[in-house]
Amino acid sequence: MRDLSSELNLSYESLKQDCNLLRQSMQKKGNGGDNKGKRWNNGRHKKGQVSAPALLPAYHAAERRLLSLMLQDAEAARYVGDNLGEAFNIEDHAAIAAYLYAYYAQGKPADISRFMSSLHDDRLEKTVGSISMMDNPTDWNVQVLDDCIREVLKYPQQKRIEQKKRRNDEGGALR
């Protein structure tokens, strides 16, 4: 700006002020947020509009809750391992559960940061970090675990029923 001010024979301060005014007017006219290529904060704080976070499907929320409890308590992990095993519907959740079963089988204590450092997979570490931030009560009982397990096991059955209905609807429409 100093070079430009001397070249155009304008004072540096006036050029600086004009540039600042231009920048402010461009920001006001701009539609969207500050990170166009990313969905970080675009549109979330526009006047009068607040978008709610997406609600997870019941089986997804149940899997996350189970993993949260398993991260906090080896007994919960053993119970889930005995009654659900690796039958998680989301691949990352199944992998985390398998790692947890192996982690506790080595006699290691419930320690989220220690468990995360044993993963060596950025995606799984990120998922565990997200799950560990959940607002779940740390105490659990068999009923809570059973409810979550039932929800996780129900999803594949629901998918099969929907697929059969779709096939029947398509078959009926072709006749």
C-alpha atoms as a PDB file:
ATOM      1  CA  MET A   1       0.000   0.000   0.000  1.00  0.00           C
ATOM      2  CA  ARG A   2       2.927   2.344   0.654  1.00  0.00           C
ATOM      3  CA  ASP A   3       4.268   1.760  -2.848  1.00  0.00           C
ATOM      4  CA  LEU A   4       0.815   2.330  -4.294  1.00  0.00           C
ATOM      5  CA  SER A   5       0.315   5.536  -2.316  1.00  0.00           C
ATOM      6  CA  SER A   6       3.612   6.984  -3.555  1.00  0.00           C
ATOM      7  CA  GLU A   7       2.920   5.830  -7.127  1.00  0.00           C
ATOM      8  CA  LEU A   8      -0.580   7.408  -7.200  1.00  0.00           C
ATOM      9  CA  ASN A   9       0.469  10.438  -5.178  1.00  0.00           C
ATOM     10  CA  LEU A  10      -2.079   9.723  -2.425  1.00  0.00           C
ATOM     11  CA  SER A  11      -1.557   9.810   1.288  1.00  0.00           C
ATOM     12  CA  TYR A  12      -0.968   6.412   2.846  1.00  0.00           C
ATOM     13  CA  GLU A  13      -3.591   7.003   5.553  1.00  0.00           C
ATOM     14  CA  SER A  14      -6.369   7.912   3.083  1.00  0.00           C
ATOM     15  CA  LEU A  15      -5.548   4.888   0.929  1.00  0.00           C
ATOM     16  CA  LYS A  16      -5.600   2.680   4.004  1.00  0.00           C
ATOM     17  CA  GLN A  17      -8.974   4.108   5.074  1.00  0.00           C
ATOM     18  CA  ASP A  18     -10.452   3.630   1.572  1.00  0.00           C
ATOM     19  CA  CYS A  19      -9.236   0.053   1.499  1.00  0.00           C
ATOM     20  CA  ASN A  20     -10.786  -0.647   4.904  1.00  0.00           C
ATOM     21  CA  LEU A  21     -14.137   0.845   3.832  1.00  0.00           C
ATOM     22  CA  LEU A  22     -14.102  -1.210   0.647  1.00  0.00           C
ATOM     23  CA  ARG A  23     -13.352  -4.388   2.611  1.00  0.00           C
ATOM     24  CA  GLN A  24     -16.222  -3.699   5.019  1.00  0.00           C
ATOM     25  CA  SER A  25     -18.721  -3.087   2.220  1.00  0.00           C
ATOM     26  CA  MET A  26     -17.650  -6.289   0.459  1.00  0.00           C
ATOM     27  CA  GLN A  27     -18.180  -8.273   3.648  1.00  0.00           C
ATOM     28  CA  LYS A  28     -21.683  -6.866   4.041  1.00  0.00           C
ATOM     29  CA  LYS A  29     -22.602  -7.683   0.444  1.00  0.00           C
ATOM     30  CA  GLY A  30     -21.150 -11.185   0.570  1.00  0.00           C
ATOM     31  CA  ASN A  31     -23.665 -14.028   0.749  1.00  0.00           C
ATOM     32  CA  GLY A  32     -22.495 -17.014   2.673  1.00  0.00           C
ATOM     33  CA  GLY A  33     -19.785 -17.361   5.226  1.00  0.00           C
ATOM     34  CA  ASP A  34     -16.106 -16.927   5.526  1.00  0.00           C
ATOM     35  CA  ASN A  35     -15.180 -20.456   4.494  1.00  0.00           C
ATOM     36  CA  LYS A  36     -16.908 -21.041   1.176  1.00  0.00           C
ATOM     37  CA  GLY A  37     -15.400 -24.460   0.499  1.00  0.00           C
ATOM     38  CA  LYS A  38     -16.088 -25.760   3.992  1.00  0.00           C
ATOM     39  CA  ARG A  39     -19.330 -26.105   5.932  1.00  0.00           C
ATOM     40  CA  TRP A  40     -17.811 -24.840   9.151  1.00  0.00           C
ATOM     41  CA  ASN A  41     -19.812 -21.727   9.942  1.00  0.00           C
ATOM     42  CA  ASN A  42     -21.580 -20.795   6.752  1.00  0.00           C
ATOM     43  CA  GLY A  43     -25.186 -19.793   7.263  1.00  0.00           C
ATOM     44  CA  ARG A  44     -25.427 -21.067  10.784  1.00  0.00           C
ATOM     45  CA  HIS A  45     -25.586 -17.618  12.353  1.00  0.00           C
ATOM     46  CA  LYS A  46     -27.586 -15.713   9.759  1.00  0.00           C
ATOM     47  CA  LYS A  47     -30.240 -13.422  11.149  1.00  0.00           C
ATOM     48  CA  GLY A  48     -33.280 -15.330  12.332  1.00  0.00           C
ATOM     49  CA  GLN A  49     -32.016 -18.685  11.115  1.00  0.00           C
ATOM     50  CA  VAL A  50     -30.616 -21.325  13.401  1.00  0.00           C
ATOM     51  CA  SER A  51     -30.204 -24.800  11.984  1.00  0.00           C
ATOM     52  CA  ALA A  52     -30.530 -27.630  14.446  1.00  0.00           C
ATOM     53  CA  PRO A  53     -27.950 -30.402  14.376  1.00  0.00           C
ATOM     54  CA  ALA A  54     -29.081 -33.506  12.532  1.00  0.00           C
ATOM     55  CA  LEU A  55     -30.714 -36.150  14.712  1.00  0.00           C
ATOM     56  CA  LEU A  56     -28.947 -39.491  14.484  1.00  0.00           C
ATOM     57  CA  PRO A  57     -30.950 -42.633  13.708  1.00  0.00           C
ATOM     58  CA  ALA A  58     -31.814 -44.642  16.831  1.00  0.00           C
ATOM     59  CA  TYR A  59     -29.392 -47.494  16.071  1.00  0.00           C
ATOM     60  CA  HIS A  60     -26.550 -45.007  15.496  1.00  0.00           C
ATOM     61  CA  ALA A  61     -27.218 -43.204  18.779  1.00  0.00           C
ATOM     62  CA  ALA A  62     -27.480 -46.586  20.571  1.00  0.00           C
ATOM     63  CA  GLU A  63     -24.117 -47.706  19.172  1.00  0.00           C
ATOM     64  CA  ARG A  64     -22.469 -44.471  20.268  1.00  0.00           C
ATOM     65  CA  ARG A  65     -23.981 -44.776  23.742  1.00  0.00           C
ATOM     66  CA  LEU A  66     -22.781 -48.369  24.075  1.00  0.00           C
ATOM     67  CA  LEU A  67     -19.275 -47.374  23.023  1.00  0.00           C
ATOM     68  CA  SER A  68     -19.316 -44.443  25.442  1.00  0.00           C
ATOM     69  CA  LEU A  69     -20.195 -46.750  28.317  1.00  0.00           C
ATOM     70  CA  MET A  70     -17.664 -49.337  27.138  1.00  0.00           C
ATOM     71  CA  LEU A  71     -14.925 -46.690  27.097  1.00  0.00           C
ATOM     72  CA  GLN A  72     -15.689 -45.861  30.718  1.00  0.00           C
ATOM     73  CA  ASP A  73     -16.095 -49.357  32.145  1.00  0.00           C
ATOM     74  CA  ALA A  74     -14.479 -52.703  31.316  1.00  0.00           C
ATOM     75  CA  GLU A  75     -17.471 -54.618  32.752  1.00  0.00           C
ATOM     76  CA  ALA A  76     -19.834 -52.826  30.380  1.00  0.00           C
ATOM     77  CA  ALA A  77     -17.493 -53.753  27.517  1.00  0.00           C
ATOM     78  CA  ARG A  78     -17.506 -57.411  28.594  1.00  0.00           C
ATOM     79  CA  TYR A  79     -21.303 -57.444  28.773  1.00  0.00           C
ATOM     80  CA  VAL A  80     -21.641 -55.866  25.327  1.00  0.00           C
ATOM     81  CA  GLY A  81     -19.034 -58.265  23.948  1.00  0.00           C
ATOM     82  CA  ASP A  82     -20.972 -61.256  25.294  1.00  0.00           C
ATOM     83  CA  ASN A  83     -24.371 -60.028  24.082  1.00  0.00           C
ATOM     84  CA  LEU A  84     -23.603 -58.108  20.882  1.00  0.00           C
ATOM     85  CA  GLY A  85     -20.040 -58.912  19.896  1.00  0.00           C
ATOM     86  CA  GLU A  86     -19.079 -57.085  16.730  1.00  0.00           C
ATOM     87  CA  ALA A  87     -22.631 -56.854  15.353  1.00  0.00           C
ATOM     88  CA  PHE A  88     -22.467 -53.068  15.209  1.00  0.00           C
ATOM     89  CA  ASN A  89     -24.074 -51.615  12.074  1.00  0.00           C
ATOM     90  CA  ILE A  90     -21.511 -48.879  11.512  1.00  0.00           C
ATOM     91  CA  GLU A  91     -18.115 -50.165  10.415  1.00  0.00           C
ATOM     92  CA  ASP A  92     -16.082 -47.717  12.530  1.00  0.00           C
ATOM     93  CA  HIS A  93     -18.126 -48.596  15.612  1.00  0.00           C
ATOM     94  CA  ALA A  94     -17.518 -52.312  15.040  1.00  0.00           C
ATOM     95  CA  ALA A  95     -13.780 -51.654  14.696  1.00  0.00           C
ATOM     96  CA  ILE A  96     -13.689 -49.562  17.877  1.00  0.00           C
ATOM     97  CA  ALA A  97     -15.587 -52.273  19.756  1.00  0.00           C
ATOM     98  CA  ALA A  98     -13.132 -54.922  18.551  1.00  0.00           C
ATOM     99  CA  TYR A  99     -10.200 -52.782  19.668  1.00  0.00           C
ATOM    100  CA  LEU A 100     -11.896 -52.217  23.043  1.00  0.00           C
ATOM    101  CA  TYR A 101     -12.457 -55.942  23.555  1.00  0.00           C
ATOM    102  CA  ALA A 102      -8.783 -56.594  22.814  1.00  0.00           C
ATOM    103  CA  TYR A 103      -7.674 -53.659  24.984  1.00  0.00           C
ATOM    104  CA  TYR A 104      -9.588 -54.904  28.024  1.00  0.00           C
ATOM    105  CA  ALA A 105      -8.573 -58.522  27.344  1.00  0.00           C
ATOM    106  CA  GLN A 106      -4.971 -57.404  27.962  1.00  0.00           C
ATOM    107  CA  GLY A 107      -6.025 -56.360  31.466  1.00  0.00           C
ATOM    108  CA  LYS A 108      -5.688 -52.640  30.803  1.00  0.00           C
ATOM    109  CA  PRO A 109      -7.810 -50.198  32.832  1.00  0.00           C
ATOM    110  CA  ALA A 110     -10.562 -47.974  31.459  1.00  0.00           C
ATOM    111  CA  ASP A 111      -8.576 -44.965  30.265  1.00  0.00           C
ATOM    112  CA  ILE A 112      -9.873 -43.188  27.167  1.00  0.00           C
ATOM    113  CA  SER A 113      -6.653 -41.349  26.297  1.00  0.00           C
ATOM    114  CA  ARG A 114      -4.567 -44.504  26.729  1.00  0.00           C
ATOM    115  CA  PHE A 115      -7.031 -46.447  24.576  1.00  0.00           C
ATOM    116  CA  MET A 116      -7.001 -43.738  21.888  1.00  0.00           C
ATOM    117  CA  SER A 117      -3.216 -43.791  21.728  1.00  0.00           C
ATOM    118  CA  SER A 118      -3.351 -47.543  21.086  1.00  0.00           C
ATOM    119  CA  LEU A 119      -5.566 -47.149  18.002  1.00  0.00           C
ATOM    120  CA  HIS A 120      -3.061 -45.784  15.427  1.00  0.00           C
ATOM    121  CA  ASP A 121      -5.932 -44.789  13.103  1.00  0.00           C
ATOM    122  CA  ASP A 122      -6.829 -41.108  12.790  1.00  0.00           C
ATOM    123  CA  ARG A 123     -10.439 -41.736  11.756  1.00  0.00           C
ATOM    124  CA  LEU A 124     -11.094 -44.087  14.658  1.00  0.00           C
ATOM    125  CA  GLU A 125      -9.321 -41.743  17.084  1.00  0.00           C
ATOM    126  CA  LYS A 126     -11.548 -38.902  15.882  1.00  0.00           C
ATOM    127  CA  THR A 127     -14.661 -41.048  16.352  1.00  0.00           C
ATOM    128  CA  VAL A 128     -13.579 -42.125  19.844  1.00  0.00           C
ATOM    129  CA  GLY A 129     -12.864 -38.494  20.705  1.00  0.00           C
ATOM    130  CA  SER A 130     -16.331 -37.505  19.562  1.00  0.00           C
ATOM    131  CA  ILE A 131     -17.956 -40.342  21.506  1.00  0.00           C
ATOM    132  CA  SER A 132     -15.966 -39.529  24.644  1.00  0.00           C
ATOM    133  CA  MET A 133     -17.390 -35.986  24.576  1.00  0.00           C
ATOM    134  CA  MET A 134     -20.974 -37.245  24.764  1.00  0.00           C
ATOM    135  CA  ASP A 135     -23.097 -36.294  27.754  1.00  0.00           C
ATOM    136  CA  ASN A 136     -23.829 -39.805  28.989  1.00  0.00           C
ATOM    137  CA  PRO A 137     -24.135 -40.767  32.623  1.00  0.00           C
ATOM    138  CA  THR A 138     -21.130 -42.809  33.690  1.00  0.00           C
ATOM    139  CA  ASP A 139     -23.223 -45.296  35.642  1.00  0.00           C
ATOM    140  CA  TRP A 140     -24.994 -48.041  33.760  1.00  0.00           C
ATOM    141  CA  ASN A 141     -27.102 -51.075  34.394  1.00  0.00           C
ATOM    142  CA  VAL A 142     -27.947 -54.162  32.400  1.00  0.00           C
ATOM    143  CA  GLN A 143     -31.304 -52.686  31.311  1.00  0.00           C
ATOM    144  CA  VAL A 144     -29.600 -49.679  29.693  1.00  0.00           C
ATOM    145  CA  LEU A 145     -27.158 -51.917  27.837  1.00  0.00           C
ATOM    146  CA  ASP A 146     -29.925 -54.326  26.789  1.00  0.00           C
ATOM    147  CA  ASP A 147     -32.052 -51.473  25.430  1.00  0.00           C
ATOM    148  CA  CYS A 148     -29.156 -50.199  23.336  1.00  0.00           C
ATOM    149  CA  ILE A 149     -28.250 -53.704  22.139  1.00  0.00           C
ATOM    150  CA  ARG A 150     -31.868 -54.363  21.153  1.00  0.00           C
ATOM    151  CA  GLU A 151     -31.907 -51.121  19.124  1.00  0.00           C
ATOM    152  CA  VAL A 152     -28.658 -52.049  17.371  1.00  0.00           C
ATOM    153  CA  LEU A 153     -29.930 -55.550  16.512  1.00  0.00           C
ATOM    154  CA  LYS A 154     -33.302 -54.242  15.342  1.00  0.00           C
ATOM    155  CA  TYR A 155     -31.873 -52.109  12.525  1.00  0.00           C
ATOM    156  CA  PRO A 156     -30.745 -54.938  10.152  1.00  0.00           C
ATOM    157  CA  GLN A 157     -34.156 -56.579  10.563  1.00  0.00           C
ATOM    158  CA  GLN A 158     -35.881 -53.300   9.698  1.00  0.00           C
ATOM    159  CA  LYS A 159     -33.693 -52.955   6.601  1.00  0.00           C
ATOM    160  CA  ARG A 160     -34.596 -56.473   5.424  1.00  0.00           C
ATOM    161  CA  ILE A 161     -38.320 -55.790   5.921  1.00  0.00           C
ATOM    162  CA  GLU A 162     -38.079 -52.539   3.947  1.00  0.00           C
ATOM    163  CA  GLN A 163     -36.204 -54.304   1.126  1.00  0.00           C
ATOM    164  CA  LYS A 164     -38.866 -57.034   0.949  1.00  0.00           C
ATOM    165  CA  LYS A 165     -41.630 -54.426   0.876  1.00  0.00           C
ATOM    166  CA  ARG A 166     -39.855 -52.578  -1.927  1.00  0.00           C
ATOM    167  CA  ARG A 167     -39.410 -55.785  -3.926  1.00  0.00           C
ATOM    168  CA  ASN A 168     -43.077 -56.649  -3.432  1.00  0.00           C
ATOM    169  CA  ASP A 169     -44.146 -53.137  -4.467  1.00  0.00           C
ATOM    170  CA  GLU A 170     -41.951 -53.307  -7.583  1.00  0.00           C
ATOM    171  CA  GLY A 171     -43.202 -56.796  -8.405  1.00  0.00           C
ATOM    172  CA  GLY A 172     -46.821 -55.700  -8.037  1.00  0.00           C
ATOM    173  CA  ALA A 173     -46.258 -52.645 -10.218  1.00  0.00           C
ATOM    174  CA  LEU A 174     -44.794 -54.781 -13.021  1.00  0.00           C
ATOM    175  CA  ARG A 175     -47.837 -57.072 -13.252  1.00  0.00           C
END
